[in-house]
N, C-alpha and C. Protein backbone atom coordinates (compact mmCIF):
# COMPACT_ATOMS: atom_id res chain seq x y z
N UNK A 1 -86.45 -127.33 123.51
CA UNK A 1 -85.26 -127.52 122.34
C UNK A 1 -85.64 -129.10 122.20
N UNK A 2 -85.64 -129.57 120.73
CA UNK A 2 -85.97 -131.22 120.44
C UNK A 2 -84.32 -131.61 119.63
N UNK A 3 -84.46 -132.69 119.28
CA UNK A 3 -83.16 -133.43 118.68
C UNK A 3 -83.42 -133.30 117.68
N UNK A 4 -82.46 -133.10 116.75
CA UNK A 4 -82.00 -132.76 115.31
C UNK A 4 -82.34 -134.37 114.64
N UNK A 5 -83.16 -134.60 113.61
CA UNK A 5 -83.23 -135.57 113.06
C UNK A 5 -82.09 -136.34 112.37
N UNK A 6 -81.06 -135.54 111.97
CA UNK A 6 -79.78 -135.79 111.03
C UNK A 6 -78.61 -135.67 112.10
N UNK A 7 -78.37 -135.01 113.03
CA UNK A 7 -77.34 -135.51 113.60
C UNK A 7 -77.29 -135.67 114.95
N UNK A 8 -78.73 -135.65 115.62
CA UNK A 8 -79.39 -136.13 117.10
C UNK A 8 -78.67 -135.34 117.78
N UNK A 9 -78.49 -133.83 117.55
CA UNK A 9 -77.99 -132.98 118.43
C UNK A 9 -78.95 -132.77 119.21
N UNK A 10 -79.05 -131.96 120.57
CA UNK A 10 -80.14 -131.31 120.80
C UNK A 10 -80.31 -129.79 120.50
N UNK A 11 -80.41 -129.37 119.04
CA UNK A 11 -80.75 -128.11 118.61
C UNK A 11 -81.56 -127.50 117.54
N UNK A 12 -82.69 -128.58 117.51
CA UNK A 12 -84.06 -128.31 116.27
C UNK A 12 -84.68 -127.64 117.34
N UNK A 13 -85.20 -126.80 116.71
CA UNK A 13 -86.22 -125.88 117.03
C UNK A 13 -87.79 -126.71 117.38
N UNK A 14 -88.32 -126.48 118.42
CA UNK A 14 -89.85 -127.50 118.43
C UNK A 14 -90.82 -127.17 117.35
N UNK A 15 -90.49 -128.06 116.56
CA UNK A 15 -92.03 -128.39 115.55
C UNK A 15 -90.76 -128.30 114.31
N UNK A 16 -89.68 -128.23 114.37
CA UNK A 16 -88.54 -128.56 113.30
C UNK A 16 -87.76 -129.83 113.13
N UNK A 17 -87.59 -130.53 112.39
CA UNK A 17 -87.45 -131.68 112.30
C UNK A 17 -85.70 -131.66 112.21
N UNK A 18 -85.03 -130.89 111.59
CA UNK A 18 -83.48 -130.70 111.92
C UNK A 18 -83.16 -129.33 112.44
N UNK A 19 -82.00 -129.27 112.83
CA UNK A 19 -81.58 -128.22 113.48
C UNK A 19 -80.65 -127.49 112.55
N UNK A 20 -80.80 -125.65 112.30
CA UNK A 20 -80.36 -124.94 111.40
C UNK A 20 -78.97 -125.54 110.92
N UNK A 21 -78.17 -125.61 111.58
CA UNK A 21 -76.91 -126.34 110.90
C UNK A 21 -77.01 -127.18 109.97
N UNK A 22 -77.83 -128.52 110.12
CA UNK A 22 -77.92 -129.42 109.24
C UNK A 22 -78.79 -129.03 108.07
N UNK A 23 -79.87 -128.11 108.48
CA UNK A 23 -80.58 -127.73 107.42
C UNK A 23 -79.81 -126.95 106.43
N UNK A 24 -79.21 -125.90 106.85
CA UNK A 24 -78.00 -125.16 105.80
C UNK A 24 -77.16 -126.36 105.23
N UNK A 25 -76.76 -127.19 105.58
CA UNK A 25 -75.65 -128.59 105.16
C UNK A 25 -76.34 -128.81 104.05
N UNK A 26 -77.75 -129.22 104.10
CA UNK A 26 -78.24 -129.93 103.04
C UNK A 26 -78.44 -128.96 101.77
N UNK A 27 -78.02 -129.31 100.87
CA UNK A 27 -78.08 -128.10 99.27
C UNK A 27 -79.75 -128.67 98.65
N UNK A 28 -80.68 -128.04 99.41
CA UNK A 28 -81.87 -128.40 98.54
C UNK A 28 -82.27 -127.75 97.52
N UNK A 29 -81.79 -126.92 96.71
CA UNK A 29 -81.73 -126.39 95.52
C UNK A 29 -81.02 -127.54 94.57
N UNK A 30 -79.94 -128.29 95.16
CA UNK A 30 -79.36 -129.11 94.11
C UNK A 30 -80.36 -130.55 93.85
N UNK A 31 -80.95 -131.04 95.03
CA UNK A 31 -81.75 -132.06 95.50
C UNK A 31 -83.07 -131.74 94.65
N UNK A 32 -83.81 -130.58 94.44
CA UNK A 32 -84.52 -129.81 93.65
C UNK A 32 -84.45 -130.50 92.19
N UNK A 33 -83.44 -129.65 91.99
CA UNK A 33 -82.62 -130.00 90.72
C UNK A 33 -82.83 -131.15 90.08
N UNK A 34 -82.02 -132.31 91.27
CA UNK A 34 -81.98 -133.85 90.69
C UNK A 34 -83.20 -134.19 90.32
N UNK A 35 -84.45 -134.13 91.26
CA UNK A 35 -85.72 -134.37 91.25
C UNK A 35 -86.46 -133.96 89.73
N UNK A 36 -86.10 -132.39 89.74
CA UNK A 36 -86.70 -132.32 88.16
C UNK A 36 -86.06 -132.80 87.03
N UNK A 37 -84.71 -132.99 87.02
CA UNK A 37 -84.21 -133.74 85.95
C UNK A 37 -84.57 -134.96 85.79
N UNK A 38 -84.60 -135.92 86.80
CA UNK A 38 -85.16 -137.08 86.56
C UNK A 38 -86.38 -137.36 86.17
N UNK A 39 -87.43 -136.32 86.79
CA UNK A 39 -89.02 -136.24 86.15
C UNK A 39 -89.09 -135.93 84.96
N UNK A 40 -87.98 -134.75 84.28
CA UNK A 40 -87.74 -134.61 82.69
C UNK A 40 -87.74 -135.69 81.77
N UNK A 41 -86.39 -136.82 82.72
CA UNK A 41 -86.33 -137.94 81.96
C UNK A 41 -87.20 -139.08 81.87
N UNK A 42 -88.18 -138.80 83.01
CA UNK A 42 -89.15 -140.17 83.05
C UNK A 42 -90.56 -139.26 81.81
N UNK A 43 -90.90 -138.06 81.98
CA UNK A 43 -91.44 -137.76 80.75
C UNK A 43 -91.29 -138.17 79.65
N UNK A 44 -89.70 -137.81 79.33
CA UNK A 44 -89.54 -138.12 78.22
C UNK A 44 -90.02 -140.03 77.46
N UNK A 45 -89.95 -140.57 78.62
CA UNK A 45 -90.18 -142.03 78.58
C UNK A 45 -91.82 -142.41 78.16
N UNK A 46 -92.56 -141.90 78.56
CA UNK A 46 -94.02 -141.74 79.01
C UNK A 46 -94.73 -142.41 77.39
N UNK A 47 -94.03 -142.06 76.46
CA UNK A 47 -95.01 -142.90 74.66
C UNK A 47 -93.83 -143.84 74.47
N UNK A 48 -93.05 -144.31 74.97
CA UNK A 48 -92.32 -145.64 75.09
C UNK A 48 -92.84 -146.74 75.12
N UNK A 49 -93.18 -147.55 74.12
CA UNK A 49 -93.93 -148.75 74.15
C UNK A 49 -92.97 -149.61 75.17
N UNK A 50 -93.80 -150.19 76.11
CA UNK A 50 -93.74 -151.33 77.20
C UNK A 50 -92.79 -150.24 78.30
N UNK A 51 -92.83 -149.12 78.26
CA UNK A 51 -92.23 -148.68 79.40
C UNK A 51 -93.25 -148.01 80.57
N UNK A 52 -93.29 -148.35 81.64
CA UNK A 52 -94.06 -148.18 82.60
C UNK A 52 -94.02 -146.99 83.63
N UNK A 53 -94.09 -145.66 83.18
CA UNK A 53 -93.36 -144.83 84.23
C UNK A 53 -93.90 -144.14 85.32
N UNK A 54 -95.63 -144.65 85.34
CA UNK A 54 -96.49 -143.92 86.40
C UNK A 54 -96.27 -143.95 87.62
N UNK A 55 -95.46 -145.06 88.15
CA UNK A 55 -94.92 -145.33 89.63
C UNK A 55 -93.95 -143.97 89.82
N UNK A 56 -92.84 -144.29 89.17
CA UNK A 56 -91.92 -143.27 89.16
C UNK A 56 -92.09 -141.73 88.91
N UNK A 57 -93.36 -141.42 88.29
CA UNK A 57 -93.44 -139.93 88.05
C UNK A 57 -94.40 -139.73 89.39
N UNK A 58 -95.00 -140.98 89.36
CA UNK A 58 -96.15 -140.57 91.22
C UNK A 58 -95.47 -140.22 92.17
N UNK A 59 -94.00 -140.95 92.78
CA UNK A 59 -93.24 -140.78 93.50
C UNK A 59 -92.46 -139.48 93.37
N UNK A 60 -92.41 -138.94 92.04
CA UNK A 60 -91.28 -138.21 91.73
C UNK A 60 -92.00 -136.60 92.41
N UNK A 61 -93.32 -136.78 91.79
CA UNK A 61 -94.24 -135.44 92.15
C UNK A 61 -94.63 -135.51 93.27
N UNK A 62 -94.75 -136.77 94.25
CA UNK A 62 -95.04 -136.81 95.76
C UNK A 62 -93.84 -135.89 96.60
N UNK A 63 -92.58 -136.22 96.17
CA UNK A 63 -91.24 -135.58 96.75
C UNK A 63 -91.58 -134.08 96.19
N UNK A 64 -91.99 -133.70 94.90
CA UNK A 64 -92.21 -132.36 94.50
C UNK A 64 -93.39 -131.32 95.48
N UNK A 65 -94.09 -132.18 95.78
CA UNK A 65 -95.65 -131.72 96.39
C UNK A 65 -94.94 -131.37 97.79
N UNK A 66 -94.00 -132.21 98.57
CA UNK A 66 -93.87 -132.56 99.99
C UNK A 66 -92.57 -131.47 99.89
N UNK A 67 -91.84 -130.84 99.13
CA UNK A 67 -91.28 -130.05 98.96
C UNK A 67 -91.91 -128.39 99.25
N UNK A 68 -92.63 -128.28 98.12
CA UNK A 68 -93.47 -127.39 97.76
C UNK A 68 -94.30 -126.65 99.20
N UNK A 69 -94.82 -127.81 99.95
CA UNK A 69 -95.85 -127.46 100.95
C UNK A 69 -95.08 -127.02 101.81
N UNK A 70 -93.42 -126.93 101.82
CA UNK A 70 -92.86 -126.18 103.12
C UNK A 70 -91.91 -127.36 103.47
N UNK A 71 -92.24 -128.64 103.89
CA UNK A 71 -91.11 -129.59 104.26
C UNK A 71 -89.72 -129.81 103.64
N UNK A 72 -89.03 -129.89 104.68
CA UNK A 72 -87.14 -129.51 105.16
C UNK A 72 -87.38 -130.86 105.91
N UNK A 73 -87.42 -131.97 105.57
CA UNK A 73 -86.74 -133.07 106.73
C UNK A 73 -85.75 -133.81 106.04
N UNK A 74 -84.83 -134.43 106.81
CA UNK A 74 -83.82 -135.37 106.22
C UNK A 74 -84.18 -136.38 105.54
N UNK A 75 -85.35 -137.05 106.00
CA UNK A 75 -85.90 -137.85 105.00
C UNK A 75 -86.45 -137.82 103.65
N UNK A 76 -87.16 -136.36 103.57
CA UNK A 76 -87.18 -135.78 102.40
C UNK A 76 -86.09 -135.49 101.31
N UNK A 77 -85.14 -135.43 102.06
CA UNK A 77 -83.66 -134.52 101.53
C UNK A 77 -82.90 -136.03 100.75
N UNK A 78 -83.21 -137.24 101.85
CA UNK A 78 -82.56 -138.09 101.10
C UNK A 78 -83.24 -138.58 99.95
N UNK A 79 -84.54 -138.93 100.08
CA UNK A 79 -85.43 -139.33 99.12
C UNK A 79 -85.31 -138.89 97.94
N UNK A 80 -85.26 -137.49 97.68
CA UNK A 80 -84.86 -136.75 96.70
C UNK A 80 -83.71 -136.81 96.18
N UNK A 81 -82.31 -136.98 97.08
CA UNK A 81 -81.42 -137.28 96.50
C UNK A 81 -81.22 -138.61 95.87
N UNK A 82 -81.94 -139.77 96.26
CA UNK A 82 -81.62 -140.83 96.06
C UNK A 82 -82.58 -141.13 94.79
N UNK A 83 -83.64 -140.41 93.98
CA UNK A 83 -84.21 -140.54 92.78
C UNK A 83 -83.03 -141.44 91.81
N UNK A 84 -83.78 -142.02 91.23
CA UNK A 84 -82.83 -142.66 89.83
C UNK A 84 -83.46 -142.61 88.84
């Protein structure tokens, strides 16, 4: 067993960042939905004069790629939830 990155309990399976309890508590569907909504909002600003959304979209796309590749870490969850 290893230590859960979220609760620091010795419950995480080797190779996993979170214990099953913490992973279940994180609402990944809501996090992904939140990031997709933010991406849509930034996509709508692409042609707005004087507005550069390249960095924001790059960051958002990186988060979605990490999620699509199977990453389920406390850090990714926090980054996704805090996208503005």
